[in-house]
C-alpha atoms as a PDB file:
ATOM      1  CA  MET A   1       7.000 -10.606   0.881  1.00  0.00           C
ATOM      2  CA  SER A   2       8.747  -7.181   0.586  1.00  0.00           C
ATOM      3  CA  ILE A   3       9.955  -8.286  -3.002  1.00  0.00           C
ATOM      4  CA  ALA A   4       6.364  -9.336  -3.989  1.00  0.00           C
ATOM      5  CA  VAL A   5       4.894  -6.059  -2.885  1.00  0.00           C
ATOM      6  CA  ALA A   6       7.763  -4.038  -4.516  1.00  0.00           C
ATOM      7  CA  GLY A   7       6.783  -5.835  -7.877  1.00  0.00           C
ATOM      8  CA  PHE A   8       3.102  -4.825  -7.351  1.00  0.00           C
ATOM      9  CA  LEU A   9       4.243  -1.165  -6.709  1.00  0.00           C
ATOM     10  CA  LEU A  10       6.807  -1.207  -9.657  1.00  0.00           C
ATOM     11  CA  SER A  11       3.877  -2.276 -11.960  1.00  0.00           C
ATOM     12  CA  LEU A  12       1.892   0.657 -10.807  1.00  0.00           C
ATOM     13  CA  VAL A  13       4.877   3.130 -11.318  1.00  0.00           C
ATOM     14  CA  ILE A  14       5.709   1.831 -14.728  1.00  0.00           C
ATOM     15  CA  GLY A  15       2.288   0.570 -16.010  1.00  0.00           C
ATOM     16  CA  ALA A  16       0.318   3.805 -15.562  1.00  0.00           C
ATOM     17  CA  PRO A  17       2.582   6.094 -17.248  1.00  0.00           C
ATOM     18  CA  ILE A  18       2.938   3.660 -20.233  1.00  0.00           C
ATOM     19  CA  GLY A  19      -0.858   3.400 -20.421  1.00  0.00           C
ATOM     20  CA  THR A  20      -1.440   7.072 -20.328  1.00  0.00           C
ATOM     21  CA  PHE A  21       1.299   7.668 -23.048  1.00  0.00           C
ATOM     22  CA  VAL A  22      -0.239   4.919 -25.320  1.00  0.00           C
ATOM     23  CA  ALA A  23      -3.574   6.531 -24.924  1.00  0.00           C
ATOM     24  CA  SER A  24      -2.505  10.022 -25.791  1.00  0.00           C
ATOM     25  CA  LEU A  25      -0.611   8.731 -28.744  1.00  0.00           C
ATOM     26  CA  LEU A  26      -3.207   6.274 -30.158  1.00  0.00           C
ATOM     27  CA  SER A  27      -6.320   5.882 -28.062  1.00  0.00           C
ATOM     28  CA  TRP A  28      -7.559   4.718 -24.781  1.00  0.00           C
ATOM     29  CA  ARG A  29      -9.123   1.365 -26.693  1.00  0.00           C
ATOM     30  CA  VAL A  30      -5.370   0.642 -27.838  1.00  0.00           C
ATOM     31  CA  THR A  31      -4.381   0.783 -24.100  1.00  0.00           C
ATOM     32  CA  PHE A  32      -7.174  -1.694 -23.126  1.00  0.00           C
ATOM     33  CA  VAL A  33      -6.403  -4.054 -26.059  1.00  0.00           C
ATOM     34  CA  GLY A  34      -2.650  -3.914 -24.953  1.00  0.00           C
ATOM     35  CA  ILE A  35      -3.517  -4.913 -21.463  1.00  0.00           C
ATOM     36  CA  GLY A  36      -5.880  -7.743 -22.755  1.00  0.00           C
ATOM     37  CA  LEU A  37      -2.810  -9.117 -24.914  1.00  0.00           C
ATOM     38  CA  VAL A  38      -0.263  -8.837 -21.988  1.00  0.00           C
ATOM     39  CA  THR A  39      -2.884 -10.562 -19.619  1.00  0.00           C
ATOM     40  CA  VAL A  40      -3.044 -13.456 -22.128  1.00  0.00           C
ATOM     41  CA  LEU A  41       0.866 -13.634 -22.200  1.00  0.00           C
ATOM     42  CA  LEU A  42       1.115 -13.616 -18.580  1.00  0.00           C
ATOM     43  CA  THR A  43      -1.272 -16.413 -18.182  1.00  0.00           C
ATOM     44  CA  GLY A  44       1.162 -18.797 -20.073  1.00  0.00           C
ATOM     45  CA  ILE A  45       4.321 -17.418 -18.065  1.00  0.00           C
ATOM     46  CA  ASN A  46       2.324 -17.943 -14.813  1.00  0.00           C
ATOM     47  CA  ARG A  47       2.285 -21.680 -15.688  1.00  0.00           C
ATOM     48  CA  LEU A  48       6.055 -21.868 -15.948  1.00  0.00           C
ATOM     49  CA  VAL A  49       7.343 -19.741 -13.036  1.00  0.00           C
ATOM     50  CA  TRP A  50       5.766 -21.471 -10.053  1.00  0.00           C
ATOM     51  CA  PRO A  51       8.170 -24.357  -8.542  1.00  0.00           C
ATOM     52  CA  PRO A  52       6.853 -27.817  -8.482  1.00  0.00           C
ATOM     53  CA  GLN A  53       7.359 -27.954  -4.738  1.00  0.00           C
ATOM     54  CA  VAL A  54       4.209 -26.059  -4.192  1.00  0.00           C
ATOM     55  CA  GLN A  55       2.445 -29.171  -3.575  1.00  0.00           C
ATOM     56  CA  THR A  56       4.434 -29.438  -0.143  1.00  0.00           C
ATOM     57  CA  VAL A  57       2.375 -26.271   0.949  1.00  0.00           C
ATOM     58  CA  HIS A  58      -0.803 -28.109   0.086  1.00  0.00           C
ATOM     59  CA  SER A  59       0.366 -30.995   2.163  1.00  0.00           C
ATOM     60  CA  TYR A  60       1.268 -28.780   5.092  1.00  0.00           C
ATOM     61  CA  ALA A  61      -2.078 -27.060   4.977  1.00  0.00           C
ATOM     62  CA  ARG A  62      -3.880 -30.451   5.178  1.00  0.00           C
ATOM     63  CA  THR A  63      -2.050 -31.498   8.328  1.00  0.00           C
ATOM     64  CA  GLY A  64      -3.652 -31.210  11.816  1.00  0.00           C
ATOM     65  CA  ALA A  65      -6.769 -29.519  12.688  1.00  0.00           C
ATOM     66  CA  SER A  66      -7.771 -26.400  11.047  1.00  0.00           C
ATOM     67  CA  GLU A  67     -10.551 -24.494  12.582  1.00  0.00           C
ATOM     68  CA  PRO A  68     -12.141 -21.778  10.653  1.00  0.00           C
ATOM     69  CA  ILE A  69     -11.753 -18.179  11.747  1.00  0.00           C
ATOM     70  CA  PRO A  70     -14.635 -16.196  13.016  1.00  0.00           C
ATOM     71  CA  LEU A  71     -15.400 -13.641  10.166  1.00  0.00           C
ATOM     72  CA  GLY A  72     -15.548 -10.907  12.963  1.00  0.00           C
ATOM     73  CA  ASN A  73     -11.821 -11.709  13.943  1.00  0.00           C
ATOM     74  CA  THR A  74     -10.707 -11.631  10.274  1.00  0.00           C
ATOM     75  CA  LEU A  75     -12.497  -8.422   9.642  1.00  0.00           C
ATOM     76  CA  ARG A  76     -10.955  -6.892  12.765  1.00  0.00           C
ATOM     77  CA  VAL A  77      -7.499  -7.676  11.473  1.00  0.00           C
ATOM     78  CA  VAL A  78      -7.740  -6.577   7.925  1.00  0.00           C
ATOM     79  CA  THR A  79      -9.264  -3.373   8.891  1.00  0.00           C
ATOM     80  CA  VAL A  80      -5.638  -2.295   9.486  1.00  0.00           C
ATOM     81  CA  THR A  81      -4.909  -2.516   5.714  1.00  0.00           C
ATOM     82  CA  GLY A  82      -8.060  -0.527   5.326  1.00  0.00           C
ATOM     83  CA  PHE A  83      -6.549   2.236   7.382  1.00  0.00           C
ATOM     84  CA  TRP A  84      -3.385   2.107   5.677  1.00  0.00           C
ATOM     85  CA  ALA A  85      -4.944   2.623   2.287  1.00  0.00           C
ATOM     86  CA  PHE A  86      -7.103   5.402   3.293  1.00  0.00           C
ATOM     87  CA  ALA A  87      -4.041   7.302   4.714  1.00  0.00           C
ATOM     88  CA  VAL A  88      -2.023   6.763   1.637  1.00  0.00           C
ATOM     89  CA  TYR A  89      -4.381   7.064  -1.019  1.00  0.00           C
ATOM     90  CA  SER A  90      -6.317   9.994   0.051  1.00  0.00           C
ATOM     91  CA  VAL A  91      -3.210  11.938  -0.616  1.00  0.00           C
ATOM     92  CA  TYR A  92      -1.918  10.041  -3.535  1.00  0.00           C
ATOM     93  CA  THR A  93      -5.142  10.174  -5.631  1.00  0.00           C
ATOM     94  CA  TYR A  94      -5.147  13.837  -5.709  1.00  0.00           C
ATOM     95  CA  LEU A  95      -1.467  14.701  -5.750  1.00  0.00           C
ATOM     96  CA  GLY A  96      -1.148  15.774  -9.254  1.00  0.00           C
ATOM     97  CA  THR A  97      -4.399  17.788  -8.863  1.00  0.00           C
ATOM     98  CA  GLY A  98      -2.860  19.537  -5.796  1.00  0.00           C
ATOM     99  CA  LEU A  99       0.337  20.275  -7.411  1.00  0.00           C
ATOM    100  CA  ARG A 100      -1.468  21.552 -10.635  1.00  0.00           C
ATOM    101  CA  THR A 101      -3.694  24.046  -8.726  1.00  0.00           C
ATOM    102  CA  HIS A 102      -0.724  25.625  -7.027  1.00  0.00           C
ATOM    103  CA  GLY A 103       0.812  26.195 -10.509  1.00  0.00           C
ATOM    104  CA  PHE A 104       3.465  23.551 -10.383  1.00  0.00           C
ATOM    105  CA  THR A 105       4.607  22.540 -14.025  1.00  0.00           C
ATOM    106  CA  THR A 106       4.092  19.239 -15.743  1.00  0.00           C
ATOM    107  CA  GLY A 107       7.657  18.410 -15.670  1.00  0.00           C
ATOM    108  CA  TYR A 108       7.579  18.804 -11.752  1.00  0.00           C
ATOM    109  CA  ILE A 109       4.298  16.793 -11.308  1.00  0.00           C
ATOM    110  CA  ALA A 110       6.078  14.165 -13.287  1.00  0.00           C
ATOM    111  CA  ALA A 111       9.276  14.217 -11.217  1.00  0.00           C
ATOM    112  CA  ALA A 112       7.196  14.288  -7.996  1.00  0.00           C
ATOM    113  CA  LEU A 113       5.261  11.134  -9.036  1.00  0.00           C
ATOM    114  CA  ILE A 114       8.436   9.442 -10.068  1.00  0.00           C
ATOM    115  CA  LEU A 115      10.179  10.156  -6.968  1.00  0.00           C
ATOM    116  CA  TYR A 116       7.108   8.827  -5.058  1.00  0.00           C
ATOM    117  CA  GLY A 117       7.339   5.631  -7.076  1.00  0.00           C
ATOM    118  CA  ILE A 118      10.967   5.276  -6.396  1.00  0.00           C
ATOM    119  CA  GLY A 119      10.396   5.878  -2.492  1.00  0.00           C
ATOM    120  CA  ALA A 120       7.617   3.279  -2.539  1.00  0.00           C
ATOM    121  CA  VAL A 121       9.731   0.517  -4.228  1.00  0.00           C
ATOM    122  CA  VAL A 122      12.774   1.224  -2.146  1.00  0.00           C
ATOM    123  CA  GLY A 123      10.828   1.447   1.283  1.00  0.00           C
ATOM    124  CA  SER A 124       9.061  -2.073   0.236  1.00  0.00           C
ATOM    125  CA  VAL A 125      12.257  -3.972  -0.792  1.00  0.00           C
ATOM    126  CA  GLY A 126      14.287  -2.378   2.237  1.00  0.00           C
ATOM    127  CA  SER A 127      11.947  -3.209   4.736  1.00  0.00           C
ATOM    128  CA  GLY A 128      12.378  -6.966   4.005  1.00  0.00           C
ATOM    129  CA  HIS A 129      15.513  -7.113   6.050  1.00  0.00           C
ATOM    130  CA  LEU A 130      14.046  -4.822   9.000  1.00  0.00           C
ATOM    131  CA  ILE A 131      10.977  -7.215   9.098  1.00  0.00           C
ATOM    132  CA  ASP A 132      13.324 -10.293   9.386  1.00  0.00           C
ATOM    133  CA  ARG A 133      15.660  -8.722  12.040  1.00  0.00           C
ATOM    134  CA  TYR A 134      13.124  -6.595  14.171  1.00  0.00           C
ATOM    135  CA  GLY A 135       9.626  -8.433  13.552  1.00  0.00           C
ATOM    136  CA  ALA A 136       6.738  -7.456  11.578  1.00  0.00           C
ATOM    137  CA  SER A 137       5.009  -5.866  14.389  1.00  0.00           C
ATOM    138  CA  ARG A 138       7.607  -3.366  15.208  1.00  0.00           C
ATOM    139  CA  ILE A 139       7.905  -2.303  11.515  1.00  0.00           C
ATOM    140  CA  VAL A 140       4.083  -1.917  11.036  1.00  0.00           C
ATOM    141  CA  LEU A 141       3.780   0.338  13.955  1.00  0.00           C
ATOM    142  CA  LEU A 142       7.021   2.453  12.965  1.00  0.00           C
ATOM    143  CA  SER A 143       5.760   2.825   9.546  1.00  0.00           C
ATOM    144  CA  PHE A 144       2.384   4.399  10.614  1.00  0.00           C
ATOM    145  CA  VAL A 145       4.156   6.686  13.002  1.00  0.00           C
ATOM    146  CA  LEU A 146       6.699   7.813  10.387  1.00  0.00           C
ATOM    147  CA  LEU A 147       4.108   8.126   7.859  1.00  0.00           C
ATOM    148  CA  ALA A 148       1.999  10.382  10.135  1.00  0.00           C
ATOM    149  CA  ALA A 149       5.207  12.492  10.726  1.00  0.00           C
ATOM    150  CA  ALA A 150       5.962  12.651   6.842  1.00  0.00           C
ATOM    151  CA  LEU A 151       2.315  13.735   6.184  1.00  0.00           C
ATOM    152  CA  LEU A 152       2.606  16.525   8.900  1.00  0.00           C
ATOM    153  CA  VAL A 153       5.722  17.945   7.504  1.00  0.00           C
ATOM    154  CA  LEU A 154       4.367  17.894   4.029  1.00  0.00           C
ATOM    155  CA  ASP A 155       1.448  19.796   5.030  1.00  0.00           C
ATOM    156  CA  LEU A 156       3.861  22.419   6.765  1.00  0.00           C
ATOM    157  CA  VAL A 157       5.991  22.884   3.600  1.00  0.00           C
ATOM    158  CA  TRP A 158       3.195  22.741   0.865  1.00  0.00           C
ATOM    159  CA  PRO A 159       3.209  24.615  -1.381  1.00  0.00           C
ATOM    160  CA  ASP A 160       5.881  27.277  -0.607  1.00  0.00           C
ATOM    161  CA  SER A 161       9.039  24.993  -0.741  1.00  0.00           C
ATOM    162  CA  PRO A 162       9.089  23.087  -3.918  1.00  0.00           C
ATOM    163  CA  PHE A 163      12.053  21.211  -2.993  1.00  0.00           C
ATOM    164  CA  LEU A 164      11.009  20.245   0.432  1.00  0.00           C
ATOM    165  CA  VAL A 165       7.691  19.156  -1.367  1.00  0.00           C
ATOM    166  CA  LEU A 166       9.531  16.893  -3.424  1.00  0.00           C
ATOM    167  CA  LEU A 167      11.674  15.551  -0.571  1.00  0.00           C
ATOM    168  CA  MET A 168       8.625  14.893   1.447  1.00  0.00           C
ATOM    169  CA  LEU A 169       6.676  13.123  -1.128  1.00  0.00           C
ATOM    170  CA  GLY A 170       9.719  10.873  -1.425  1.00  0.00           C
ATOM    171  CA  LEU A 171       9.615  10.196   2.369  1.00  0.00           C
ATOM    172  CA  PHE A 172       5.882   9.795   2.422  1.00  0.00           C
ATOM    173  CA  ALA A 173       6.249   6.745   0.087  1.00  0.00           C
ATOM    174  CA  LEU A 174       9.433   5.609   1.734  1.00  0.00           C
ATOM    175  CA  THR A 175       7.800   5.483   5.145  1.00  0.00           C
ATOM    176  CA  ALA A 176       4.310   4.276   4.001  1.00  0.00           C
ATOM    177  CA  TYR A 177       5.097   1.008   2.007  1.00  0.00           C
ATOM    178  CA  PRO A 178       7.112  -0.957   4.646  1.00  0.00           C
ATOM    179  CA  CYS A 179       3.799  -1.274   6.363  1.00  0.00           C
ATOM    180  CA  LEU A 180       2.149  -3.155   3.722  1.00  0.00           C
ATOM    181  CA  ALA A 181       4.941  -5.848   3.471  1.00  0.00           C
ATOM    182  CA  ALA A 182       5.241  -5.957   7.070  1.00  0.00           C
ATOM    183  CA  PHE A 183       1.582  -6.426   7.849  1.00  0.00           C
ATOM    184  CA  GLN A 184       1.158  -9.246   5.085  1.00  0.00           C
ATOM    185  CA  SER A 185       4.058 -11.042   6.732  1.00  0.00           C
ATOM    186  CA  ARG A 186       2.335 -10.867   9.877  1.00  0.00           C
ATOM    187  CA  LEU A 187      -0.788 -12.246   8.491  1.00  0.00           C
ATOM    188  CA  VAL A 188       1.211 -15.271   7.085  1.00  0.00           C
ATOM    189  CA  ALA A 189       2.794 -16.017  10.464  1.00  0.00           C
ATOM    190  CA  THR A 190      -0.486 -15.624  12.427  1.00  0.00           C
ATOM    191  CA  PHE A 191      -2.698 -17.514   9.967  1.00  0.00           C
ATOM    192  CA  PRO A 192      -0.697 -20.035   8.303  1.00  0.00           C
ATOM    193  CA  ARG A 193      -3.624 -22.437   7.578  1.00  0.00           C
ATOM    194  CA  HIS A 194      -5.970 -19.642   6.405  1.00  0.00           C
ATOM    195  CA  THR A 195      -3.796 -17.333   4.170  1.00  0.00           C
ATOM    196  CA  GLY A 196      -6.040 -17.698   1.330  1.00  0.00           C
ATOM    197  CA  SER A 197      -9.320 -16.379   2.842  1.00  0.00           C
ATOM    198  CA  VAL A 198      -7.388 -13.931   5.144  1.00  0.00           C
ATOM    199  CA  PHE A 199      -5.581 -12.362   2.051  1.00  0.00           C
ATOM    200  CA  ALA A 200      -8.761 -12.164   0.057  1.00  0.00           C
ATOM    201  CA  TRP A 201     -10.364 -10.219   2.775  1.00  0.00           C
ATOM    202  CA  ASN A 202      -7.205  -7.960   3.018  1.00  0.00           C
ATOM    203  CA  SER A 203      -7.304  -7.311  -0.488  1.00  0.00           C
ATOM    204  CA  CYS A 204     -10.860  -6.336  -0.195  1.00  0.00           C
ATOM    205  CA  PHE A 205     -10.202  -3.820   2.551  1.00  0.00           C
ATOM    206  CA  MET A 206      -7.138  -2.364   0.809  1.00  0.00           C
ATOM    207  CA  TYR A 207      -9.549  -1.397  -2.204  1.00  0.00           C
ATOM    208  CA  LEU A 208     -12.216  -0.465   0.230  1.00  0.00           C
ATOM    209  CA  GLY A 209      -9.763   1.908   2.039  1.00  0.00           C
ATOM    210  CA  THR A 210      -8.514   3.259  -1.356  1.00  0.00           C
ATOM    211  CA  SER A 211     -12.147   4.032  -2.336  1.00  0.00           C
ATOM    212  CA  LEU A 212     -13.038   5.583   0.950  1.00  0.00           C
ATOM    213  CA  GLY A 213      -9.811   7.538   1.022  1.00  0.00           C
ATOM    214  CA  ALA A 214     -10.332   8.656  -2.513  1.00  0.00           C
ATOM    215  CA  GLY A 215     -13.877   9.697  -1.681  1.00  0.00           C
ATOM    216  CA  VAL A 216     -13.013  11.605   1.571  1.00  0.00           C
ATOM    217  CA  GLY A 217      -9.956  13.389  -0.242  1.00  0.00           C
ATOM    218  CA  GLY A 218     -12.259  14.437  -3.023  1.00  0.00           C
ATOM    219  CA  GLY A 219     -14.564  15.996  -0.677  1.00  0.00           C
ATOM    220  CA  LEU A 220     -11.932  17.878   1.041  1.00  0.00           C
ATOM    221  CA  LEU A 221     -10.245  19.004  -2.170  1.00  0.00           C
ATOM    222  CA  ALA A 222     -13.497  20.452  -3.478  1.00  0.00           C
ATOM    223  CA  THR A 223     -14.397  22.334  -0.109  1.00  0.00           C
ATOM    224  CA  ARG A 224     -11.108  23.099   1.731  1.00  0.00           C
ATOM    225  CA  GLY A 225      -8.318  22.460  -0.853  1.00  0.00           C
ATOM    226  CA  PHE A 226      -5.605  19.949  -1.021  1.00  0.00           C
ATOM    227  CA  GLN A 227      -3.604  21.107   2.000  1.00  0.00           C
ATOM    228  CA  LEU A 228      -6.121  19.582   4.492  1.00  0.00           C
ATOM    229  CA  ILE A 229      -6.027  16.139   3.064  1.00  0.00           C
ATOM    230  CA  PRO A 230      -2.281  15.168   4.566  1.00  0.00           C
ATOM    231  CA  LEU A 231      -3.607  16.278   8.041  1.00  0.00           C
ATOM    232  CA  VAL A 232      -6.482  14.056   7.863  1.00  0.00           C
ATOM    233  CA  ALA A 233      -4.317  11.191   6.356  1.00  0.00           C
ATOM    234  CA  ALA A 234      -1.648  11.772   9.226  1.00  0.00           C
ATOM    235  CA  GLY A 235      -4.505  11.516  11.734  1.00  0.00           C
ATOM    236  CA  ILE A 236      -5.888   8.184  10.356  1.00  0.00           C
ATOM    237  CA  SER A 237      -2.311   6.889  10.222  1.00  0.00           C
ATOM    238  CA  LEU A 238      -1.994   7.502  14.037  1.00  0.00           C
ATOM    239  CA  VAL A 239      -5.357   5.869  14.633  1.00  0.00           C
ATOM    240  CA  ALA A 240      -4.217   2.825  12.709  1.00  0.00           C
ATOM    241  CA  ALA A 241      -1.132   2.560  14.717  1.00  0.00           C
ATOM    242  CA  LEU A 242      -3.179   2.563  18.031  1.00  0.00           C
ATOM    243  CA  TYR A 243      -5.872   0.205  16.537  1.00  0.00           C
ATOM    244  CA  TYR A 244      -2.915  -2.220  15.434  1.00  0.00           C
ATOM    245  CA  ARG A 245      -1.092  -1.964  18.683  1.00  0.00           C
ATOM    246  CA  TYR A 246      -3.989  -2.651  21.074  1.00  0.00           C
ATOM    247  CA  TRP A 247      -6.968  -4.142  19.259  1.00  0.00           C
ATOM    248  CA  ALA A 248      -6.210  -5.778  15.886  1.00  0.00           C
ATOM    249  CA  PHE A 249      -4.746  -9.078  17.069  1.00  0.00           C
ATOM    250  CA  SER A 250      -5.965  -8.881  20.644  1.00  0.00           C
ATOM    251  CA  HIS A 251      -8.036 -12.044  19.966  1.00  0.00           C
ATOM    252  CA  THR A 252      -5.171 -14.180  18.805  1.00  0.00           C
ATOM    253  CA  GLN A 253      -1.575 -15.396  19.673  1.00  0.00           C
ATOM    254  CA  HIS A 254       1.117 -14.591  17.381  1.00  0.00           C
ATOM    255  CA  PRO A 255       4.006 -16.799  16.587  1.00  0.00           C
ATOM    256  CA  GLU A 256       6.524 -14.061  16.865  1.00  0.00           C
ATOM    257  CA  ASN A 257       5.349 -13.242  20.353  1.00  0.00           C
ATOM    258  CA  ILE A 258       4.391  -9.871  18.967  1.00  0.00           C
ATOM    259  CA  ARG A 259       8.043  -8.888  18.378  1.00  0.00           C
END
């Protein structure tokens, strides 16, 4: 799961700069045409990469009774992802704008975004062994708490210490993205017969949290400046930790006995 999440993040880190470069060199229309062509190519590749043993998963899903999950329970669980996306993307969406407002150069901003991307990929891939060893629940909680701490320190050093700002941006991503892989692992373990529907709602709430975070972050940026955004995001991260620990899964038993 951590490797799959890392692949998603790597595509963001590489794809966005390439698309921006092509658009600036040629036009934004060429970028969209390129995306369409790559999508057609991936459609064919997708048919080749999946192992034929996938049928065994279907057989497993059909064995035994499979009661539907109440929608309220599903929404209660995936709200955790909404909190996570709000905390992360309320800051990340306006990171470049915040840096530019305080006079940081284009090269510095590029370095900051690259360092953030490296932290995100390393945090996601590295979390896999931690999840397997200590359990998904502990990693989710630890990630939320460390994310809040990183955001608070980022707010303290912003924007007077350029080196520390870079360091904290890397730590921000490094502490944030293990949560995503760990929480999805928890979903698979808790709802092995309903992963399709649960993951669909989980994706929905990730983008809902991203949209709300970007909206709130934009309002704060326009009225109070960038520096308040990490403080709000840190508060949301701590709320998410408490919500996850005491309410999100309170209606269901966890196969790992909530390690």
